[in-house]
Amino acid sequence: VVDNAAGLVFVFSGMGTQWWAMGRDLLNAGGVFAAEAAHIDDAFQKIADWSIIEELLRPEEESRITSTAIAQPATFLLQVALTRELAQFG
């Protein structure tokens, strides 16, 4: 236990190697994470004409997550949705 802790700190991942199934369990579970992901994906589709969620749910043999154009928006979606998921627990 650290007596002088200032509070909670978030450290988000960098843009290193992405895993084809990242976030899949949380997307399929529904809840806050999936709702926030859908909200972000709806806005994204209006400007990009493709779905981040569809990309994240592709089977491994069809995944394009190693492409920077896919990985960067996917990482953003996952980080924001995970923050919303964790926020519900205070």
C-alpha atoms as a PDB file:
ATOM      1  CA  VAL A   1       0.000   0.000   0.000  1.00  0.00           C
ATOM      2  CA  VAL A   2       1.315   3.400  -0.991  1.00  0.00           C
ATOM      3  CA  ASP A   3       0.199   6.134   1.396  1.00  0.00           C
ATOM      4  CA  ASN A   4       1.101   9.003  -0.915  1.00  0.00           C
ATOM      5  CA  ALA A   5      -0.662   7.716  -4.037  1.00  0.00           C
ATOM      6  CA  ALA A   6      -2.210  10.575  -6.001  1.00  0.00           C
ATOM      7  CA  GLY A   7      -4.897   8.480  -7.657  1.00  0.00           C
ATOM      8  CA  LEU A   8      -5.591   6.282 -10.597  1.00  0.00           C
ATOM      9  CA  VAL A   9      -3.521   6.643 -13.756  1.00  0.00           C
ATOM     10  CA  PHE A  10      -4.292   5.192 -17.185  1.00  0.00           C
ATOM     11  CA  VAL A  11      -1.480   4.163 -19.488  1.00  0.00           C
ATOM     12  CA  PHE A  12      -2.655   3.241 -22.958  1.00  0.00           C
ATOM     13  CA  SER A  13      -0.882   0.853 -25.247  1.00  0.00           C
ATOM     14  CA  GLY A  14       1.314   2.041 -28.053  1.00  0.00           C
ATOM     15  CA  MET A  15       0.905   1.169 -31.701  1.00  0.00           C
ATOM     16  CA  GLY A  16       2.930  -2.034 -31.624  1.00  0.00           C
ATOM     17  CA  THR A  17       1.845  -5.415 -32.879  1.00  0.00           C
ATOM     18  CA  GLN A  18      -1.917  -5.973 -32.823  1.00  0.00           C
ATOM     19  CA  TRP A  19      -3.676  -9.269 -32.135  1.00  0.00           C
ATOM     20  CA  TRP A  20      -6.439 -10.294 -34.535  1.00  0.00           C
ATOM     21  CA  ALA A  21      -8.898 -11.140 -31.727  1.00  0.00           C
ATOM     22  CA  MET A  22      -8.260  -8.184 -29.426  1.00  0.00           C
ATOM     23  CA  GLY A  23     -11.394  -6.877 -27.743  1.00  0.00           C
ATOM     24  CA  ARG A  24     -13.533  -9.652 -29.158  1.00  0.00           C
ATOM     25  CA  ASP A  25     -14.759 -11.050 -25.827  1.00  0.00           C
ATOM     26  CA  LEU A  26     -15.777  -7.600 -24.600  1.00  0.00           C
ATOM     27  CA  LEU A  27     -17.532  -6.805 -27.883  1.00  0.00           C
ATOM     28  CA  ASN A  28     -19.482 -10.054 -27.722  1.00  0.00           C
ATOM     29  CA  ALA A  29     -20.341  -9.634 -24.033  1.00  0.00           C
ATOM     30  CA  GLY A  30     -22.372  -6.500 -24.656  1.00  0.00           C
ATOM     31  CA  GLY A  31     -22.506  -3.963 -21.875  1.00  0.00           C
ATOM     32  CA  VAL A  32     -20.781  -0.604 -21.606  1.00  0.00           C
ATOM     33  CA  PHE A  33     -17.733  -1.595 -23.654  1.00  0.00           C
ATOM     34  CA  ALA A  34     -19.794  -2.849 -26.593  1.00  0.00           C
ATOM     35  CA  ALA A  35     -22.144   0.147 -26.459  1.00  0.00           C
ATOM     36  CA  GLU A  36     -19.265   2.645 -26.537  1.00  0.00           C
ATOM     37  CA  ALA A  37     -17.550   0.678 -29.298  1.00  0.00           C
ATOM     38  CA  ALA A  38     -20.758   0.798 -31.359  1.00  0.00           C
ATOM     39  CA  HIS A  39     -21.056   4.551 -30.774  1.00  0.00           C
ATOM     40  CA  ILE A  40     -17.490   5.144 -31.965  1.00  0.00           C
ATOM     41  CA  ASP A  41     -17.927   2.762 -34.884  1.00  0.00           C
ATOM     42  CA  ASP A  42     -21.102   4.546 -36.040  1.00  0.00           C
ATOM     43  CA  ALA A  43     -19.280   7.886 -36.126  1.00  0.00           C
ATOM     44  CA  PHE A  44     -16.244   6.347 -37.791  1.00  0.00           C
ATOM     45  CA  GLN A  45     -18.265   4.667 -40.554  1.00  0.00           C
ATOM     46  CA  LYS A  46     -19.682   8.036 -41.582  1.00  0.00           C
ATOM     47  CA  ILE A  47     -16.210   9.329 -42.435  1.00  0.00           C
ATOM     48  CA  ALA A  48     -14.355   6.151 -43.394  1.00  0.00           C
ATOM     49  CA  ASP A  49     -17.004   4.025 -45.112  1.00  0.00           C
ATOM     50  CA  TRP A  50     -15.918   0.848 -43.267  1.00  0.00           C
ATOM     51  CA  SER A  51     -16.545  -0.637 -39.814  1.00  0.00           C
ATOM     52  CA  ILE A  52     -13.893  -1.013 -37.143  1.00  0.00           C
ATOM     53  CA  ILE A  53     -16.066  -3.563 -35.326  1.00  0.00           C
ATOM     54  CA  GLU A  54     -16.465  -5.659 -38.474  1.00  0.00           C
ATOM     55  CA  GLU A  55     -12.682  -5.643 -38.821  1.00  0.00           C
ATOM     56  CA  LEU A  56     -12.221  -6.684 -35.185  1.00  0.00           C
ATOM     57  CA  LEU A  57     -14.681  -9.561 -35.609  1.00  0.00           C
ATOM     58  CA  ARG A  58     -13.125 -11.015 -38.769  1.00  0.00           C
ATOM     59  CA  PRO A  59     -11.794 -14.578 -38.524  1.00  0.00           C
ATOM     60  CA  GLU A  60      -8.025 -14.809 -38.118  1.00  0.00           C
ATOM     61  CA  GLU A  61      -7.443 -15.850 -41.736  1.00  0.00           C
ATOM     62  CA  GLU A  62      -9.310 -12.735 -42.965  1.00  0.00           C
ATOM     63  CA  SER A  63      -7.984 -10.266 -40.393  1.00  0.00           C
ATOM     64  CA  ARG A  64      -6.361  -7.068 -41.635  1.00  0.00           C
ATOM     65  CA  ILE A  65      -5.436  -5.791 -38.151  1.00  0.00           C
ATOM     66  CA  THR A  66      -1.742  -5.654 -39.007  1.00  0.00           C
ATOM     67  CA  SER A  67      -2.463  -2.887 -41.520  1.00  0.00           C
ATOM     68  CA  THR A  68      -1.805   0.532 -39.967  1.00  0.00           C
ATOM     69  CA  ALA A  69      -4.991   1.919 -41.520  1.00  0.00           C
ATOM     70  CA  ILE A  70      -6.994  -0.704 -39.605  1.00  0.00           C
ATOM     71  CA  ALA A  71      -4.889  -0.980 -36.439  1.00  0.00           C
ATOM     72  CA  GLN A  72      -4.835   2.700 -35.470  1.00  0.00           C
ATOM     73  CA  PRO A  73      -8.618   3.268 -35.463  1.00  0.00           C
ATOM     74  CA  ALA A  74      -9.125  -0.146 -33.849  1.00  0.00           C
ATOM     75  CA  THR A  75      -6.703   0.666 -31.035  1.00  0.00           C
ATOM     76  CA  PHE A  76      -8.434   4.005 -30.453  1.00  0.00           C
ATOM     77  CA  LEU A  77     -11.855   2.321 -30.284  1.00  0.00           C
ATOM     78  CA  LEU A  78     -10.597  -0.337 -27.866  1.00  0.00           C
ATOM     79  CA  GLN A  79      -8.902   2.165 -25.560  1.00  0.00           C
ATOM     80  CA  VAL A  80     -11.880   4.519 -25.330  1.00  0.00           C
ATOM     81  CA  ALA A  81     -14.402   1.683 -24.917  1.00  0.00           C
ATOM     82  CA  LEU A  82     -12.247   0.051 -22.236  1.00  0.00           C
ATOM     83  CA  THR A  83     -12.009   3.367 -20.383  1.00  0.00           C
ATOM     84  CA  ARG A  84     -15.827   3.597 -20.411  1.00  0.00           C
ATOM     85  CA  GLU A  85     -16.076  -0.015 -19.225  1.00  0.00           C
ATOM     86  CA  LEU A  86     -13.719   0.628 -16.311  1.00  0.00           C
ATOM     87  CA  ALA A  87     -15.388   3.942 -15.410  1.00  0.00           C
ATOM     88  CA  GLN A  88     -18.558   2.115 -14.423  1.00  0.00           C
ATOM     89  CA  PHE A  89     -16.589   0.583 -11.575  1.00  0.00           C
ATOM     90  CA  GLY A  90     -15.431   3.969 -10.329  1.00  0.00           C
END
